[in-house]
Amino acid sequence: MKPLVLVGIVLLVIGVVALGYQGITYVTRDKVADLGPVQVTAVRQHTIALPPIVGAAALVGGLALILLGSRRRLDV
């Protein structure tokens, strides 16, 4: 398989995932207080938003790379 087509397929999959999830969420644990043997921690949830334009751009770029990579050159 041509490398350009492979990169296009990867971009296409990333674009579909980005449009489907709309963001990445992760959890952190922070130490709030440390009073001898007693420790108080807080669990915080953070979200990194992915705008729909990022997913759409990855889809369009992936389709363009697939089309460009699959074209056959005619050397005359």
PDB file of N, CA and C in Angstrom:
ATOM      1  N   MET A   1       0.846  -1.166   0.000  1.00  0.00           N
ATOM      2  CA  MET A   1       0.000   0.000   0.000  1.00  0.00           C
ATOM      3  C   MET A   1       0.897   1.236   0.000  1.00  0.00           C
ATOM      4  N   LYS A   2       0.485   2.260  -0.723  1.00  0.00           N
ATOM      5  CA  LYS A   2       1.277   3.471  -0.827  1.00  0.00           C
ATOM      6  C   LYS A   2       1.253   4.239   0.494  1.00  0.00           C
ATOM      7  N   PRO A   3       2.362   4.877   0.851  1.00  0.00           N
ATOM      8  CA  PRO A   3       2.417   5.608   2.122  1.00  0.00           C
ATOM      9  C   PRO A   3       1.406   6.753   2.204  1.00  0.00           C
ATOM     10  N   LEU A   4       1.152   7.424   1.088  1.00  0.00           N
ATOM     11  CA  LEU A   4       0.208   8.536   1.086  1.00  0.00           C
ATOM     12  C   LEU A   4      -1.207   8.056   1.399  1.00  0.00           C
ATOM     13  N   VAL A   5      -1.574   6.905   0.868  1.00  0.00           N
ATOM     14  CA  VAL A   5      -2.893   6.335   1.130  1.00  0.00           C
ATOM     15  C   VAL A   5      -2.992   5.904   2.595  1.00  0.00           C
ATOM     16  N   LEU A   6      -1.927   5.345   3.127  1.00  0.00           N
ATOM     17  CA  LEU A   6      -1.923   4.904   4.524  1.00  0.00           C
ATOM     18  C   LEU A   6      -2.091   6.089   5.481  1.00  0.00           C
ATOM     19  N   VAL A   7      -1.377   7.177   5.220  1.00  0.00           N
ATOM     20  CA  VAL A   7      -1.519   8.381   6.038  1.00  0.00           C
ATOM     21  C   VAL A   7      -2.932   8.945   5.896  1.00  0.00           C
ATOM     22  N   GLY A   8      -3.496   8.886   4.701  1.00  0.00           N
ATOM     23  CA  GLY A   8      -4.863   9.350   4.481  1.00  0.00           C
ATOM     24  C   GLY A   8      -5.876   8.546   5.277  1.00  0.00           C
ATOM     25  N   ILE A   9      -5.698   7.246   5.350  1.00  0.00           N
ATOM     26  CA  ILE A   9      -6.610   6.389   6.116  1.00  0.00           C
ATOM     27  C   ILE A   9      -6.506   6.710   7.607  1.00  0.00           C
ATOM     28  N   VAL A  10      -5.286   6.915   8.091  1.00  0.00           N
ATOM     29  CA  VAL A  10      -5.097   7.264   9.504  1.00  0.00           C
ATOM     30  C   VAL A  10      -5.776   8.600   9.817  1.00  0.00           C
ATOM     31  N   LEU A  11      -5.606   9.600   8.944  1.00  0.00           N
ATOM     32  CA  LEU A  11      -6.262  10.891   9.143  1.00  0.00           C
ATOM     33  C   LEU A  11      -7.777  10.762   9.105  1.00  0.00           C
ATOM     34  N   LEU A  12      -8.286   9.922   8.238  1.00  0.00           N
ATOM     35  CA  LEU A  12      -9.722   9.697   8.131  1.00  0.00           C
ATOM     36  C   LEU A  12     -10.273   9.117   9.436  1.00  0.00           C
ATOM     37  N   VAL A  13      -9.582   8.148   9.992  1.00  0.00           N
ATOM     38  CA  VAL A  13     -10.017   7.537  11.256  1.00  0.00           C
ATOM     39  C   VAL A  13      -9.947   8.554  12.397  1.00  0.00           C
ATOM     40  N   ILE A  14      -8.876   9.337  12.441  1.00  0.00           N
ATOM     41  CA  ILE A  14      -8.742  10.367  13.472  1.00  0.00           C
ATOM     42  C   ILE A  14      -9.863  11.394  13.351  1.00  0.00           C
ATOM     43  N   GLY A  15     -10.227  11.762  12.129  1.00  0.00           N
ATOM     44  CA  GLY A  15     -11.311  12.715  11.925  1.00  0.00           C
ATOM     45  C   GLY A  15     -12.646  12.192  12.406  1.00  0.00           C
ATOM     46  N   VAL A  16     -12.933  10.923  12.144  1.00  0.00           N
ATOM     47  CA  VAL A  16     -14.192  10.326  12.603  1.00  0.00           C
ATOM     48  C   VAL A  16     -14.227  10.264  14.127  1.00  0.00           C
ATOM     49  N   VAL A  17     -13.120   9.880  14.741  1.00  0.00           N
ATOM     50  CA  VAL A  17     -13.063   9.814  16.204  1.00  0.00           C
ATOM     51  C   VAL A  17     -13.210  11.209  16.810  1.00  0.00           C
ATOM     52  N   ALA A  18     -12.556  12.210  16.229  1.00  0.00           N
ATOM     53  CA  ALA A  18     -12.641  13.580  16.750  1.00  0.00           C
ATOM     54  C   ALA A  18     -14.061  14.117  16.642  1.00  0.00           C
ATOM     55  N   LEU A  19     -14.758  13.804  15.566  1.00  0.00           N
ATOM     56  CA  LEU A  19     -16.140  14.255  15.428  1.00  0.00           C
ATOM     57  C   LEU A  19     -17.069  13.506  16.376  1.00  0.00           C
ATOM     58  N   GLY A  20     -16.754  12.282  16.675  1.00  0.00           N
ATOM     59  CA  GLY A  20     -17.610  11.482  17.543  1.00  0.00           C
ATOM     60  C   GLY A  20     -17.474  11.832  19.010  1.00  0.00           C
ATOM     61  N   TYR A  21     -16.269  12.118  19.481  1.00  0.00           N
ATOM     62  CA  TYR A  21     -16.056  12.324  20.912  1.00  0.00           C
ATOM     63  C   TYR A  21     -16.121  13.780  21.343  1.00  0.00           C
ATOM     64  N   GLN A  22     -15.782  14.720  20.499  1.00  0.00           N
ATOM     65  CA  GLN A  22     -15.831  16.152  20.781  1.00  0.00           C
ATOM     66  C   GLN A  22     -14.920  16.597  21.919  1.00  0.00           C
ATOM     67  N   GLY A  23     -14.092  15.729  22.455  1.00  0.00           N
ATOM     68  CA  GLY A  23     -13.173  16.143  23.507  1.00  0.00           C
ATOM     69  C   GLY A  23     -12.530  14.961  24.203  1.00  0.00           C
ATOM     70  N   ILE A  24     -11.471  15.257  24.949  1.00  0.00           N
ATOM     71  CA  ILE A  24     -10.740  14.241  25.688  1.00  0.00           C
ATOM     72  C   ILE A  24     -10.843  14.594  27.172  1.00  0.00           C
ATOM     73  N   THR A  25     -11.250  13.641  27.997  1.00  0.00           N
ATOM     74  CA  THR A  25     -11.407  13.867  29.428  1.00  0.00           C
ATOM     75  C   THR A  25     -10.390  13.012  30.184  1.00  0.00           C
ATOM     76  N   TYR A  26      -9.753  13.635  31.190  1.00  0.00           N
ATOM     77  CA  TYR A  26      -8.820  12.895  32.029  1.00  0.00           C
ATOM     78  C   TYR A  26      -8.985  13.337  33.482  1.00  0.00           C
ATOM     79  N   VAL A  27      -8.517  12.521  34.402  1.00  0.00           N
ATOM     80  CA  VAL A  27      -8.698  12.753  35.831  1.00  0.00           C
ATOM     81  C   VAL A  27      -7.324  12.909  36.483  1.00  0.00           C
ATOM     82  N   THR A  28      -7.221  13.893  37.393  1.00  0.00           N
ATOM     83  CA  THR A  28      -5.997  14.066  38.180  1.00  0.00           C
ATOM     84  C   THR A  28      -6.337  13.994  39.662  1.00  0.00           C
ATOM     85  N   ARG A  29      -5.387  13.543  40.449  1.00  0.00           N
ATOM     86  CA  ARG A  29      -5.544  13.495  41.900  1.00  0.00           C
ATOM     87  C   ARG A  29      -4.527  14.468  42.506  1.00  0.00           C
ATOM     88  N   ASP A  30      -5.037  15.441  43.236  1.00  0.00           N
ATOM     89  CA  ASP A  30      -4.186  16.456  43.858  1.00  0.00           C
ATOM     90  C   ASP A  30      -4.236  16.317  45.372  1.00  0.00           C
ATOM     91  N   LYS A  31      -3.082  16.445  46.022  1.00  0.00           N
ATOM     92  CA  LYS A  31      -3.030  16.405  47.474  1.00  0.00           C
ATOM     93  C   LYS A  31      -3.448  17.782  47.990  1.00  0.00           C
ATOM     94  N   VAL A  32      -4.543  17.822  48.751  1.00  0.00           N
ATOM     95  CA  VAL A  32      -5.060  19.080  49.272  1.00  0.00           C
ATOM     96  C   VAL A  32      -4.443  19.393  50.629  1.00  0.00           C
ATOM     97  N   ALA A  33      -4.387  18.409  51.498  1.00  0.00           N
ATOM     98  CA  ALA A  33      -3.827  18.633  52.837  1.00  0.00           C
ATOM     99  C   ALA A  33      -3.089  17.386  53.286  1.00  0.00           C
ATOM    100  N   ASP A  34      -2.025  17.608  54.052  1.00  0.00           N
ATOM    101  CA  ASP A  34      -1.235  16.513  54.613  1.00  0.00           C
ATOM    102  C   ASP A  34      -1.041  16.805  56.096  1.00  0.00           C
ATOM    103  N   LEU A  35      -1.858  16.177  56.924  1.00  0.00           N
ATOM    104  CA  LEU A  35      -1.828  16.414  58.367  1.00  0.00           C
ATOM    105  C   LEU A  35      -1.332  15.167  59.083  1.00  0.00           C
ATOM    106  N   GLY A  36      -0.060  14.957  59.036  1.00  0.00           N
ATOM    107  CA  GLY A  36       0.528  13.776  59.661  1.00  0.00           C
ATOM    108  C   GLY A  36       0.095  12.522  58.919  1.00  0.00           C
ATOM    109  N   PRO A  37      -0.552  11.568  59.629  1.00  0.00           N
ATOM    110  CA  PRO A  37      -0.976  10.331  58.972  1.00  0.00           C
ATOM    111  C   PRO A  37      -2.237  10.503  58.110  1.00  0.00           C
ATOM    112  N   VAL A  38      -2.891  11.650  58.232  1.00  0.00           N
ATOM    113  CA  VAL A  38      -4.117  11.889  57.462  1.00  0.00           C
ATOM    114  C   VAL A  38      -3.774  12.713  56.226  1.00  0.00           C
ATOM    115  N   GLN A  39      -4.160  12.193  55.083  1.00  0.00           N
ATOM    116  CA  GLN A  39      -3.946  12.902  53.827  1.00  0.00           C
ATOM    117  C   GLN A  39      -5.289  13.120  53.151  1.00  0.00           C
ATOM    118  N   VAL A  40      -5.497  14.322  52.646  1.00  0.00           N
ATOM    119  CA  VAL A  40      -6.731  14.656  51.944  1.00  0.00           C
ATOM    120  C   VAL A  40      -6.380  14.900  50.477  1.00  0.00           C
ATOM    121  N   THR A  41      -7.039  14.166  49.591  1.00  0.00           N
ATOM    122  CA  THR A  41      -6.808  14.346  48.166  1.00  0.00           C
ATOM    123  C   THR A  41      -8.113  14.735  47.484  1.00  0.00           C
ATOM    124  N   ALA A  42      -7.971  15.434  46.382  1.00  0.00           N
ATOM    125  CA  ALA A  42      -9.135  15.840  45.591  1.00  0.00           C
ATOM    126  C   ALA A  42      -8.992  15.250  44.200  1.00  0.00           C
ATOM    127  N   VAL A  43     -10.075  14.701  43.694  1.00  0.00           N
ATOM    128  CA  VAL A  43     -10.105  14.159  42.340  1.00  0.00           C
ATOM    129  C   VAL A  43     -10.733  15.208  41.440  1.00  0.00           C
ATOM    130  N   ARG A  44      -9.983  15.635  40.437  1.00  0.00           N
ATOM    131  CA  ARG A  44     -10.471  16.674  39.527  1.00  0.00           C
ATOM    132  C   ARG A  44     -10.526  16.122  38.113  1.00  0.00           C
ATOM    133  N   GLN A  45     -11.600  16.463  37.436  1.00  0.00           N
ATOM    134  CA  GLN A  45     -11.797  16.010  36.057  1.00  0.00           C
ATOM    135  C   GLN A  45     -11.546  17.189  35.120  1.00  0.00           C
ATOM    136  N   HIS A  46     -10.684  16.972  34.125  1.00  0.00           N
ATOM    137  CA  HIS A  46     -10.329  18.005  33.165  1.00  0.00           C
ATOM    138  C   HIS A  46     -10.773  17.549  31.776  1.00  0.00           C
ATOM    139  N   THR A  47     -11.191  18.500  30.950  1.00  0.00           N
ATOM    140  CA  THR A  47     -11.616  18.184  29.591  1.00  0.00           C
ATOM    141  C   THR A  47     -10.880  19.088  28.609  1.00  0.00           C
ATOM    142  N   ILE A  48     -10.313  18.471  27.582  1.00  0.00           N
ATOM    143  CA  ILE A  48      -9.716  19.205  26.471  1.00  0.00           C
ATOM    144  C   ILE A  48     -10.718  19.129  25.332  1.00  0.00           C
ATOM    145  N   ALA A  49     -11.287  20.260  24.983  1.00  0.00           N
ATOM    146  CA  ALA A  49     -12.323  20.300  23.942  1.00  0.00           C
ATOM    147  C   ALA A  49     -11.691  20.232  22.553  1.00  0.00           C
ATOM    148  N   LEU A  50     -12.285  19.425  21.685  1.00  0.00           N
ATOM    149  CA  LEU A  50     -11.875  19.361  20.283  1.00  0.00           C
ATOM    150  C   LEU A  50     -12.980  19.987  19.430  1.00  0.00           C
ATOM    151  N   PRO A  51     -12.708  21.122  18.821  1.00  0.00           N
ATOM    152  CA  PRO A  51     -13.738  21.745  17.995  1.00  0.00           C
ATOM    153  C   PRO A  51     -14.067  20.851  16.783  1.00  0.00           C
ATOM    154  N   PRO A  52     -15.308  20.910  16.319  1.00  0.00           N
ATOM    155  CA  PRO A  52     -15.680  20.088  15.164  1.00  0.00           C
ATOM    156  C   PRO A  52     -14.860  20.394  13.913  1.00  0.00           C
ATOM    157  N   ILE A  53     -14.318  21.589  13.818  1.00  0.00           N
ATOM    158  CA  ILE A  53     -13.524  21.946  12.636  1.00  0.00           C
ATOM    159  C   ILE A  53     -12.251  21.101  12.555  1.00  0.00           C
ATOM    160  N   VAL A  54     -11.733  20.672  13.705  1.00  0.00           N
ATOM    161  CA  VAL A  54     -10.532  19.817  13.719  1.00  0.00           C
ATOM    162  C   VAL A  54     -10.866  18.459  13.094  1.00  0.00           C
ATOM    163  N   GLY A  55     -12.002  17.874  13.489  1.00  0.00           N
ATOM    164  CA  GLY A  55     -12.425  16.600  12.906  1.00  0.00           C
ATOM    165  C   GLY A  55     -12.723  16.713  11.425  1.00  0.00           C
ATOM    166  N   ALA A  56     -13.393  17.811  11.047  1.00  0.00           N
ATOM    167  CA  ALA A  56     -13.721  18.010   9.631  1.00  0.00           C
ATOM    168  C   ALA A  56     -12.459  18.204   8.795  1.00  0.00           C
ATOM    169  N   ALA A  57     -11.491  18.945   9.329  1.00  0.00           N
ATOM    170  CA  ALA A  57     -10.230  19.156   8.602  1.00  0.00           C
ATOM    171  C   ALA A  57      -9.471  17.842   8.431  1.00  0.00           C
ATOM    172  N   ALA A  58      -9.479  16.996   9.461  1.00  0.00           N
ATOM    173  CA  ALA A  58      -8.804  15.701   9.351  1.00  0.00           C
ATOM    174  C   ALA A  58      -9.512  14.813   8.329  1.00  0.00           C
ATOM    175  N   LEU A  59     -10.849  14.856   8.300  1.00  0.00           N
ATOM    176  CA  LEU A  59     -11.590  14.074   7.303  1.00  0.00           C
ATOM    177  C   LEU A  59     -11.270  14.521   5.886  1.00  0.00           C
ATOM    178  N   VAL A  60     -11.316  15.826   5.658  1.00  0.00           N
ATOM    179  CA  VAL A  60     -11.050  16.358   4.312  1.00  0.00           C
ATOM    180  C   VAL A  60      -9.610  16.075   3.904  1.00  0.00           C
ATOM    181  N   GLY A  61      -8.673  16.273   4.833  1.00  0.00           N
ATOM    182  CA  GLY A  61      -7.271  15.991   4.526  1.00  0.00           C
ATOM    183  C   GLY A  61      -7.032  14.515   4.239  1.00  0.00           C
ATOM    184  N   GLY A  62      -7.681  13.637   5.006  1.00  0.00           N
ATOM    185  CA  GLY A  62      -7.541  12.204   4.775  1.00  0.00           C
ATOM    186  C   GLY A  62      -8.095  11.786   3.429  1.00  0.00           C
ATOM    187  N   LEU A  63      -9.272  12.313   3.086  1.00  0.00           N
ATOM    188  CA  LEU A  63      -9.855  11.992   1.771  1.00  0.00           C
ATOM    189  C   LEU A  63      -8.978  12.500   0.630  1.00  0.00           C
ATOM    190  N   ALA A  64      -8.423  13.702   0.794  1.00  0.00           N
ATOM    191  CA  ALA A  64      -7.553  14.252  -0.249  1.00  0.00           C
ATOM    192  C   ALA A  64      -6.296  13.398  -0.418  1.00  0.00           C
ATOM    193  N   LEU A  65      -5.703  12.955   0.678  1.00  0.00           N
ATOM    194  CA  LEU A  65      -4.502  12.118   0.578  1.00  0.00           C
ATOM    195  C   LEU A  65      -4.813  10.757  -0.036  1.00  0.00           C
ATOM    196  N   ILE A  66      -5.967  10.204   0.290  1.00  0.00           N
ATOM    197  CA  ILE A  66      -6.350   8.917  -0.306  1.00  0.00           C
ATOM    198  C   ILE A  66      -6.541   9.069  -1.807  1.00  0.00           C
ATOM    199  N   LEU A  67      -7.218  10.134  -2.209  1.00  0.00           N
ATOM    200  CA  LEU A  67      -7.440  10.354  -3.643  1.00  0.00           C
ATOM    201  C   LEU A  67      -6.136  10.623  -4.376  1.00  0.00           C
ATOM    202  N   LEU A  68      -5.264  11.438  -3.788  1.00  0.00           N
ATOM    203  CA  LEU A  68      -3.974  11.732  -4.434  1.00  0.00           C
ATOM    204  C   LEU A  68      -3.067  10.505  -4.477  1.00  0.00           C
ATOM    205  N   GLY A  69      -3.099   9.709  -3.435  1.00  0.00           N
ATOM    206  CA  GLY A  69      -2.242   8.527  -3.383  1.00  0.00           C
ATOM    207  C   GLY A  69      -2.717   7.392  -4.280  1.00  0.00           C
ATOM    208  N   SER A  70      -4.023   7.350  -4.555  1.00  0.00           N
ATOM    209  CA  SER A  70      -4.539   6.254  -5.362  1.00  0.00           C
ATOM    210  C   SER A  70      -4.538   6.568  -6.856  1.00  0.00           C
ATOM    211  N   ARG A  71      -4.320   7.815  -7.203  1.00  0.00           N
ATOM    212  CA  ARG A  71      -4.260   8.167  -8.628  1.00  0.00           C
ATOM    213  C   ARG A  71      -3.045   7.535  -9.277  1.00  0.00           C
ATOM    214  N   ARG A  72      -3.238   7.076 -10.467  1.00  0.00           N
ATOM    215  CA  ARG A  72      -2.105   6.495 -11.196  1.00  0.00           C
ATOM    216  C   ARG A  72      -1.539   7.522 -12.138  1.00  0.00           C
ATOM    217  N   ARG A  73      -0.228   7.614 -12.149  1.00  0.00           N
ATOM    218  CA  ARG A  73       0.434   8.557 -13.052  1.00  0.00           C
ATOM    219  C   ARG A  73       0.637   7.892 -14.391  1.00  0.00           C
ATOM    220  N   LEU A  74       0.308   8.614 -15.426  1.00  0.00           N
ATOM    221  CA  LEU A  74       0.527   8.112 -16.782  1.00  0.00           C
ATOM    222  C   LEU A  74       1.760   8.792 -17.355  1.00  0.00           C
ATOM    223  N   ASP A  75       2.821   8.051 -17.442  1.00  0.00           N
ATOM    224  CA  ASP A  75       4.049   8.582 -18.027  1.00  0.00           C
ATOM    225  C   ASP A  75       4.042   8.294 -19.515  1.00  0.00           C
ATOM    226  N   VAL A  76       3.940   9.351 -20.272  1.00  0.00           N
ATOM    227  CA  VAL A  76       3.865   9.192 -21.725  1.00  0.00           C
ATOM    228  C   VAL A  76       5.170   9.543 -22.361  1.00  0.00           C
TER     229      VAL A  76
END
